C-alpha atoms as a PDB file:
ATOM      1  CA  MET A   1      -1.723  -3.787  14.161  1.00  0.00           C
ATOM      2  CA  SER A   2      -5.292  -5.076  14.169  1.00  0.00           C
ATOM      3  CA  SER A   3      -6.437  -7.885  11.915  1.00  0.00           C
ATOM      4  CA  LEU A   4      -9.022  -7.571   9.164  1.00  0.00           C
ATOM      5  CA  LYS A   5     -11.937  -9.989   8.920  1.00  0.00           C
ATOM      6  CA  THR A   6     -12.715 -11.405   5.492  1.00  0.00           C
ATOM      7  CA  LYS A   7     -16.252 -10.792   4.297  1.00  0.00           C
ATOM      8  CA  TYR A   8     -17.968 -12.262   1.239  1.00  0.00           C
ATOM      9  CA  LEU A   9     -20.427 -10.874  -1.275  1.00  0.00           C
ATOM     10  CA  GLU A  10     -22.364 -13.171  -3.597  1.00  0.00           C
ATOM     11  CA  LEU A  11     -22.836 -11.937  -7.149  1.00  0.00           C
ATOM     12  CA  THR A  12     -24.187 -13.905 -10.117  1.00  0.00           C
ATOM     13  CA  ASP A  13     -21.031 -15.876 -10.906  1.00  0.00           C
ATOM     14  CA  ILE A  14     -18.558 -14.939  -8.210  1.00  0.00           C
ATOM     15  CA  ARG A  15     -18.239 -14.891  -4.444  1.00  0.00           C
ATOM     16  CA  ILE A  16     -16.118 -11.796  -3.829  1.00  0.00           C
ATOM     17  CA  ALA A  17     -13.901 -11.820  -0.760  1.00  0.00           C
ATOM     18  CA  TYR A  18     -13.099  -8.414   0.702  1.00  0.00           C
ATOM     19  CA  HIS A  19     -11.857  -6.521   3.740  1.00  0.00           C
ATOM     20  CA  GLU A  20     -13.924  -3.598   4.985  1.00  0.00           C
ATOM     21  CA  TYR A  21     -12.650  -1.037   7.468  1.00  0.00           C
ATOM     22  CA  GLY A  22     -12.999   2.550   8.636  1.00  0.00           C
ATOM     23  CA  GLU A  23     -15.487   5.378   8.332  1.00  0.00           C
ATOM     24  CA  GLY A  24     -15.536   8.256   5.908  1.00  0.00           C
ATOM     25  CA  PRO A  25     -15.605   8.571   2.117  1.00  0.00           C
ATOM     26  CA  ASN A  26     -15.800   5.234   0.318  1.00  0.00           C
ATOM     27  CA  LEU A  27     -12.481   3.992  -1.077  1.00  0.00           C
ATOM     28  CA  ILE A  28     -12.169   0.898  -3.288  1.00  0.00           C
ATOM     29  CA  LEU A  29      -8.729  -0.784  -3.275  1.00  0.00           C
ATOM     30  CA  LEU A  30      -7.747  -3.010  -6.213  1.00  0.00           C
ATOM     31  CA  HIS A  31      -4.626  -5.193  -6.101  1.00  0.00           C
ATOM     32  CA  GLY A  32      -2.301  -6.347  -8.872  1.00  0.00           C
ATOM     33  CA  ASN A  33      -1.824  -9.614 -10.729  1.00  0.00           C
ATOM     34  CA  SER A  34      -1.305 -12.690  -8.520  1.00  0.00           C
ATOM     35  CA  LEU A  35      -1.646 -10.581  -5.365  1.00  0.00           C
ATOM     36  CA  SER A  36      -4.619 -10.156  -3.036  1.00  0.00           C
ATOM     37  CA  LYS A  37      -6.482  -7.705  -0.839  1.00  0.00           C
ATOM     38  CA  SER A  38      -3.893  -8.283   1.906  1.00  0.00           C
ATOM     39  CA  ILE A  39      -1.408  -5.923   0.237  1.00  0.00           C
ATOM     40  CA  PHE A  40      -3.647  -3.060   1.372  1.00  0.00           C
ATOM     41  CA  LYS A  41      -3.644  -3.930   5.084  1.00  0.00           C
ATOM     42  CA  ARG A  42      -1.662  -0.836   6.058  1.00  0.00           C
ATOM     43  CA  TYR A  43      -3.759   1.308   3.741  1.00  0.00           C
ATOM     44  CA  GLN A  44      -6.857   0.213   5.617  1.00  0.00           C
ATOM     45  CA  LEU A  45      -5.585   0.126   9.183  1.00  0.00           C
ATOM     46  CA  LYS A  46      -3.112   3.018   9.105  1.00  0.00           C
ATOM     47  CA  TYR A  47      -2.833   5.268   6.071  1.00  0.00           C
ATOM     48  CA  PHE A  48      -6.523   5.601   5.112  1.00  0.00           C
ATOM     49  CA  ARG A  49      -8.341   4.665   8.294  1.00  0.00           C
ATOM     50  CA  ASP A  50     -10.372   7.873   7.960  1.00  0.00           C
ATOM     51  CA  PHE A  51     -11.925   6.415   4.796  1.00  0.00           C
ATOM     52  CA  HIS A  52     -14.491   3.633   4.502  1.00  0.00           C
ATOM     53  CA  THR A  53     -12.199   1.213   2.673  1.00  0.00           C
ATOM     54  CA  PHE A  54     -13.056  -1.919   0.719  1.00  0.00           C
ATOM     55  CA  ALA A  55     -10.134  -4.077  -0.456  1.00  0.00           C
ATOM     56  CA  LEU A  56     -11.355  -6.660  -2.970  1.00  0.00           C
ATOM     57  CA  ASP A  57      -9.906  -9.967  -4.136  1.00  0.00           C
ATOM     58  CA  SER A  58     -10.239 -10.129  -7.928  1.00  0.00           C
ATOM     59  CA  ARG A  59     -11.663 -13.344  -9.361  1.00  0.00           C
ATOM     60  CA  GLY A  60      -8.996 -16.015  -9.464  1.00  0.00           C
ATOM     61  CA  HIS A  61      -7.114 -14.305  -6.625  1.00  0.00           C
ATOM     62  CA  GLY A  62      -7.053 -14.494  -2.857  1.00  0.00           C
ATOM     63  CA  GLN A  63     -10.225 -15.892  -1.302  1.00  0.00           C
ATOM     64  CA  SER A  64     -12.680 -14.962  -4.046  1.00  0.00           C
ATOM     65  CA  ILE A  65     -14.449 -17.964  -5.573  1.00  0.00           C
ATOM     66  CA  SER A  66     -15.537 -18.274  -9.197  1.00  0.00           C
ATOM     67  CA  ASN A  67     -15.531 -20.807 -12.019  1.00  0.00           C
ATOM     68  CA  ASP A  68     -13.827 -19.253 -15.038  1.00  0.00           C
ATOM     69  CA  GLN A  69     -12.360 -20.312 -18.356  1.00  0.00           C
ATOM     70  CA  ALA A  70     -10.346 -17.097 -18.645  1.00  0.00           C
ATOM     71  CA  TYR A  71      -9.828 -13.827 -16.827  1.00  0.00           C
ATOM     72  CA  SER A  72     -10.090 -10.323 -18.249  1.00  0.00           C
ATOM     73  CA  ILE A  73      -9.548  -6.826 -16.922  1.00  0.00           C
ATOM     74  CA  GLU A  74     -12.956  -5.831 -18.272  1.00  0.00           C
ATOM     75  CA  GLN A  75     -14.620  -8.626 -16.259  1.00  0.00           C
ATOM     76  CA  TYR A  76     -12.746  -7.495 -13.151  1.00  0.00           C
ATOM     77  CA  SER A  77     -14.107  -3.989 -13.653  1.00  0.00           C
ATOM     78  CA  CYS A  78     -17.646  -5.384 -14.014  1.00  0.00           C
ATOM     79  CA  ASP A  79     -17.127  -7.251 -10.731  1.00  0.00           C
ATOM     80  CA  ALA A  80     -16.084  -4.016  -9.003  1.00  0.00           C
ATOM     81  CA  ILE A  81     -19.132  -2.191 -10.364  1.00  0.00           C
ATOM     82  CA  GLY A  82     -21.395  -5.068  -9.320  1.00  0.00           C
ATOM     83  CA  PHE A  83     -19.814  -5.028  -5.868  1.00  0.00           C
ATOM     84  CA  CYS A  84     -20.592  -1.337  -5.428  1.00  0.00           C
ATOM     85  CA  ARG A  85     -24.115  -1.752  -6.752  1.00  0.00           C
ATOM     86  CA  ALA A  86     -24.826  -4.645  -4.380  1.00  0.00           C
ATOM     87  CA  LEU A  87     -23.626  -2.669  -1.354  1.00  0.00           C
ATOM     88  CA  ASN A  88     -25.366   0.517  -2.511  1.00  0.00           C
ATOM     89  CA  ILE A  89     -22.062   2.354  -2.837  1.00  0.00           C
ATOM     90  CA  GLN A  90     -23.138   5.251  -5.031  1.00  0.00           C
ATOM     91  CA  LYS A  91     -19.937   7.298  -4.838  1.00  0.00           C
ATOM     92  CA  ALA A  92     -16.377   6.115  -4.237  1.00  0.00           C
ATOM     93  CA  TYR A  93     -12.727   6.867  -4.748  1.00  0.00           C
ATOM     94  CA  VAL A  94     -10.455   4.190  -6.204  1.00  0.00           C
ATOM     95  CA  VAL A  95      -6.820   3.189  -5.789  1.00  0.00           C
ATOM     96  CA  GLY A  96      -5.736   0.540  -8.263  1.00  0.00           C
ATOM     97  CA  TYR A  97      -2.220  -0.884  -8.372  1.00  0.00           C
ATOM     98  CA  SER A  98      -0.707  -2.581 -11.456  1.00  0.00           C
ATOM     99  CA  ASP A  99      -3.542  -4.740 -12.874  1.00  0.00           C
ATOM    100  CA  GLY A 100      -5.708  -2.906 -10.355  1.00  0.00           C
ATOM    101  CA  GLY A 101      -4.675   0.281 -12.132  1.00  0.00           C
ATOM    102  CA  ASN A 102      -5.789  -1.276 -15.403  1.00  0.00           C
ATOM    103  CA  ILE A 103      -9.147  -2.137 -13.838  1.00  0.00           C
ATOM    104  CA  ALA A 104      -9.326   1.491 -12.718  1.00  0.00           C
ATOM    105  CA  LEU A 105      -8.984   2.650 -16.347  1.00  0.00           C
ATOM    106  CA  PHE A 106     -12.096   0.639 -17.224  1.00  0.00           C
ATOM    107  CA  LEU A 107     -13.948   2.028 -14.193  1.00  0.00           C
ATOM    108  CA  ALA A 108     -13.069   5.572 -15.189  1.00  0.00           C
ATOM    109  CA  LEU A 109     -14.470   4.997 -18.671  1.00  0.00           C
ATOM    110  CA  THR A 110     -17.575   2.943 -17.874  1.00  0.00           C
ATOM    111  CA  ALA A 111     -18.804   4.245 -14.508  1.00  0.00           C
ATOM    112  CA  PRO A 112     -17.681   7.852 -13.994  1.00  0.00           C
ATOM    113  CA  GLN A 113     -20.908   8.574 -12.121  1.00  0.00           C
ATOM    114  CA  VAL A 114     -19.771   6.211  -9.344  1.00  0.00           C
ATOM    115  CA  PHE A 115     -16.006   6.640  -9.247  1.00  0.00           C
ATOM    116  CA  GLN A 116     -15.289  10.301  -8.591  1.00  0.00           C
ATOM    117  CA  LYS A 117     -11.510  10.238  -8.254  1.00  0.00           C
ATOM    118  CA  ILE A 118      -9.200   7.452  -9.351  1.00  0.00           C
ATOM    119  CA  VAL A 119      -5.538   6.783  -8.643  1.00  0.00           C
ATOM    120  CA  ALA A 120      -3.936   4.366 -11.096  1.00  0.00           C
ATOM    121  CA  ILE A 121      -0.529   3.152  -9.908  1.00  0.00           C
ATOM    122  CA  SER A 122       1.695   1.806 -12.710  1.00  0.00           C
ATOM    123  CA  PRO A 123      -1.053   0.932 -15.205  1.00  0.00           C
ATOM    124  CA  ASN A 124      -0.580  -0.296 -18.766  1.00  0.00           C
ATOM    125  CA  TYR A 125      -3.196  -0.865 -21.443  1.00  0.00           C
ATOM    126  CA  LEU A 126      -0.908  -2.463 -24.029  1.00  0.00           C
ATOM    127  CA  VAL A 127       1.414  -5.447 -23.573  1.00  0.00           C
ATOM    128  CA  SER A 128       4.046  -3.481 -25.449  1.00  0.00           C
ATOM    129  CA  GLY A 129       3.971  -1.000 -22.567  1.00  0.00           C
ATOM    130  CA  GLY A 130       5.871  -3.437 -20.360  1.00  0.00           C
ATOM    131  CA  THR A 131       9.640  -3.370 -20.244  1.00  0.00           C
ATOM    132  CA  ASP A 132      11.493  -6.016 -22.227  1.00  0.00           C
ATOM    133  CA  SER A 133      12.860  -7.583 -19.056  1.00  0.00           C
ATOM    134  CA  SER A 134       9.430  -7.837 -17.391  1.00  0.00           C
ATOM    135  CA  LEU A 135       7.881  -9.430 -20.485  1.00  0.00           C
ATOM    136  CA  GLU A 136      10.726 -11.923 -20.749  1.00  0.00           C
ATOM    137  CA  LEU A 137      10.257 -12.858 -17.086  1.00  0.00           C
ATOM    138  CA  THR A 138       6.513 -13.316 -17.608  1.00  0.00           C
ATOM    139  CA  ASN A 139       7.121 -15.573 -20.606  1.00  0.00           C
ATOM    140  CA  ARG A 140       9.624 -17.644 -18.628  1.00  0.00           C
ATOM    141  CA  VAL A 141       7.152 -18.116 -15.800  1.00  0.00           C
ATOM    142  CA  CYS A 142       4.435 -19.122 -18.261  1.00  0.00           C
ATOM    143  CA  ARG A 143       6.735 -21.701 -19.846  1.00  0.00           C
ATOM    144  CA  LEU A 144       7.503 -23.126 -16.405  1.00  0.00           C
ATOM    145  CA  LEU A 145       3.819 -23.248 -15.439  1.00  0.00           C
ATOM    146  CA  THR A 146       2.990 -24.952 -18.736  1.00  0.00           C
ATOM    147  CA  PHE A 147       5.696 -27.553 -18.097  1.00  0.00           C
ATOM    148  CA  LEU A 148       4.402 -28.200 -14.587  1.00  0.00           C
ATOM    149  CA  LYS A 149       0.876 -28.611 -15.954  1.00  0.00           C
ATOM    150  CA  ARG A 150       2.136 -31.256 -18.363  1.00  0.00           C
ATOM    151  CA  MET A 151       3.694 -33.021 -15.392  1.00  0.00           C
ATOM    152  CA  GLY A 152       0.272 -33.283 -13.780  1.00  0.00           C
ATOM    153  CA  ILE A 153       0.406 -30.238 -11.487  1.00  0.00           C
ATOM    154  CA  ASN A 154      -2.672 -28.030 -11.710  1.00  0.00           C
ATOM    155  CA  THR A 155      -1.376 -24.607 -12.713  1.00  0.00           C
ATOM    156  CA  THR A 156      -4.441 -23.589 -14.727  1.00  0.00           C
ATOM    157  CA  LYS A 157      -5.394 -20.663 -12.511  1.00  0.00           C
ATOM    158  CA  GLN A 158      -1.839 -19.307 -12.455  1.00  0.00           C
ATOM    159  CA  LEU A 159      -1.590 -19.571 -16.249  1.00  0.00           C
ATOM    160  CA  MET A 160      -4.874 -17.706 -16.622  1.00  0.00           C
ATOM    161  CA  ARG A 161      -3.530 -14.937 -14.414  1.00  0.00           C
ATOM    162  CA  PHE A 162      -0.288 -14.607 -16.338  1.00  0.00           C
ATOM    163  CA  ASP A 163      -2.196 -14.641 -19.600  1.00  0.00           C
ATOM    164  CA  LEU A 164      -3.543 -11.244 -18.523  1.00  0.00           C
ATOM    165  CA  LEU A 165       0.022  -9.925 -18.588  1.00  0.00           C
ATOM    166  CA  LEU A 166       0.549 -11.138 -22.161  1.00  0.00           C
ATOM    167  CA  ASN A 167      -2.565  -9.553 -23.690  1.00  0.00           C
ATOM    168  CA  ASP A 168      -3.730  -5.981 -24.192  1.00  0.00           C
ATOM    169  CA  ILE A 169      -6.446  -5.126 -21.676  1.00  0.00           C
ATOM    170  CA  GLY A 170      -9.093  -4.184 -24.241  1.00  0.00           C
ATOM    171  CA  LEU A 171      -8.943  -0.397 -24.228  1.00  0.00           C
ATOM    172  CA  SER A 172      -7.661   1.761 -27.069  1.00  0.00           C
ATOM    173  CA  ALA A 173      -6.134   5.234 -27.099  1.00  0.00           C
ATOM    174  CA  ASP A 174      -9.517   6.493 -28.322  1.00  0.00           C
ATOM    175  CA  ASP A 175     -11.149   4.909 -25.272  1.00  0.00           C
ATOM    176  CA  LEU A 176      -8.711   6.656 -22.953  1.00  0.00           C
ATOM    177  CA  GLN A 177      -9.484   9.964 -24.653  1.00  0.00           C
ATOM    178  CA  ARG A 178     -13.165   9.486 -23.750  1.00  0.00           C
ATOM    179  CA  ILE A 179     -12.445   9.256 -20.004  1.00  0.00           C
ATOM    180  CA  ARG A 180     -13.859  12.188 -18.038  1.00  0.00           C
ATOM    181  CA  THR A 181     -13.262  10.953 -14.479  1.00  0.00           C
ATOM    182  CA  SER A 182     -10.609  12.764 -12.452  1.00  0.00           C
ATOM    183  CA  MET A 183      -7.480  10.611 -12.758  1.00  0.00           C
ATOM    184  CA  ARG A 184      -4.147  10.658 -10.938  1.00  0.00           C
ATOM    185  CA  ILE A 185      -1.376   8.436 -12.371  1.00  0.00           C
ATOM    186  CA  LEU A 186       1.624   7.389 -10.291  1.00  0.00           C
ATOM    187  CA  TYR A 187       4.590   5.331 -11.447  1.00  0.00           C
ATOM    188  CA  ALA A 188       7.971   4.255 -10.141  1.00  0.00           C
ATOM    189  CA  GLU A 189      11.397   5.467 -11.144  1.00  0.00           C
ATOM    190  CA  ASN A 190      12.322   1.811 -11.774  1.00  0.00           C
ATOM    191  CA  ASP A 191       9.002   0.523 -13.043  1.00  0.00           C
ATOM    192  CA  MET A 192       8.074  -2.604 -14.995  1.00  0.00           C
ATOM    193  CA  ILE A 193       6.082  -0.315 -17.288  1.00  0.00           C
ATOM    194  CA  LYS A 194       7.928   1.839 -19.808  1.00  0.00           C
ATOM    195  CA  GLU A 195       7.897   5.514 -18.936  1.00  0.00           C
ATOM    196  CA  ASP A 196       6.857   6.437 -22.486  1.00  0.00           C
ATOM    197  CA  HIS A 197       3.798   4.195 -22.124  1.00  0.00           C
ATOM    198  CA  ILE A 198       2.812   5.735 -18.788  1.00  0.00           C
ATOM    199  CA  LEU A 199       3.147   9.195 -20.334  1.00  0.00           C
ATOM    200  CA  ASP A 200       1.053   8.036 -23.299  1.00  0.00           C
ATOM    201  CA  ILE A 201      -1.751   7.062 -20.921  1.00  0.00           C
ATOM    202  CA  HIS A 202      -1.489  10.440 -19.192  1.00  0.00           C
ATOM    203  CA  HIS A 203      -1.530  12.396 -22.439  1.00  0.00           C
ATOM    204  CA  ASN A 204      -4.559  10.480 -23.708  1.00  0.00           C
ATOM    205  CA  ILE A 205      -6.721  10.944 -20.597  1.00  0.00           C
ATOM    206  CA  PRO A 206      -8.085  14.504 -20.556  1.00  0.00           C
ATOM    207  CA  GLY A 207      -7.237  16.432 -17.395  1.00  0.00           C
ATOM    208  CA  SER A 208      -5.232  13.602 -15.822  1.00  0.00           C
ATOM    209  CA  THR A 209      -2.247  14.404 -13.619  1.00  0.00           C
ATOM    210  CA  ILE A 210       0.898  12.372 -13.156  1.00  0.00           C
ATOM    211  CA  ARG A 211       3.888  11.920 -10.870  1.00  0.00           C
ATOM    212  CA  LYS A 212       6.976   9.749 -10.900  1.00  0.00           C
ATOM    213  CA  ILE A 213       7.806   8.351  -7.449  1.00  0.00           C
ATOM    214  CA  MET A 214      11.579   8.279  -7.127  1.00  0.00           C
ATOM    215  CA  LYS A 215      13.876   5.637  -5.627  1.00  0.00           C
ATOM    216  CA  CYS A 216      11.395   2.782  -5.847  1.00  0.00           C
ATOM    217  CA  SER A 217      10.307  -0.032  -8.162  1.00  0.00           C
ATOM    218  CA  HIS A 218       7.048  -1.419  -9.514  1.00  0.00           C
ATOM    219  CA  ILE A 219       6.982  -3.768  -6.526  1.00  0.00           C
ATOM    220  CA  THR A 220       7.664  -1.184  -3.826  1.00  0.00           C
ATOM    221  CA  ILE A 221       5.790   1.875  -5.068  1.00  0.00           C
ATOM    222  CA  PRO A 222       2.512   1.194  -3.191  1.00  0.00           C
ATOM    223  CA  SER A 223       4.245   1.345   0.199  1.00  0.00           C
ATOM    224  CA  GLN A 224       6.304   4.500  -0.391  1.00  0.00           C
ATOM    225  CA  LYS A 225       5.650   7.460   1.904  1.00  0.00           C
ATOM    226  CA  GLU A 226       5.548   9.734  -1.126  1.00  0.00           C
ATOM    227  CA  THR A 227       2.896   7.527  -2.733  1.00  0.00           C
ATOM    228  CA  ILE A 228       0.678   7.589   0.339  1.00  0.00           C
ATOM    229  CA  ALA A 229       1.085  11.339   0.786  1.00  0.00           C
ATOM    230  CA  ASP A 230       0.339  11.995  -2.876  1.00  0.00           C
ATOM    231  CA  ILE A 231      -2.850   9.925  -2.814  1.00  0.00           C
ATOM    232  CA  ARG A 232      -4.101  11.619   0.345  1.00  0.00           C
ATOM    233  CA  GLU A 233      -3.394  15.056  -1.076  1.00  0.00           C
ATOM    234  CA  TYR A 234      -5.197  14.198  -4.318  1.00  0.00           C
ATOM    235  CA  PHE A 235      -8.292  12.961  -2.484  1.00  0.00           C
ATOM    236  CA  ALA A 236      -8.291  15.999  -0.200  1.00  0.00           C
ATOM    237  CA  VAL A 237      -8.641  18.529  -3.012  1.00  0.00           C
END
């Protein structure tokens, strides 16, 4: 499989690292917490090579460079909008996974004129939407990172990332009800997000459609054949 060359785009307060590949409709790819653009390599080189794909590193992730005191999903969405504006991307589809799915919720609300169709994979807008086990794991990791910081190890960036997982993203149910962008929601049979919460998101977003991908987890859902096929079918309509 071919390699992807990292490109950079300078915005006001961030140098966004991204991979660009393919020709066709524009497709923005947004990764999850503590991941990077590299998770979408097969999306770009194999599954969606007939799209003009852009896989972005969120601030504080991958090779993007910024100087921040905190991270927020809303800021990430502003970065994505600024990215499209800078490259004169006037229309695009979006696939957002996990925190990328949360970013996609903001994009659907704030820039529907740009983002025509959005796939949100395993999103959550409330901390309470996470399963008890996933929240306990996040808290354990944060306690460990805090301990390491006290020992003199710089874990500031990692703590800022995990803080995103312990705070609501900044959208309300009323905000979701104001979304008019076409939205497809996918989630895993064994997800880290409670099924009731995923269904709540679906029921609040007018006209959204939803599918549970069976025999997979929150971690493995992006690479499932059923996930890829579903996304392609949704974009083809």
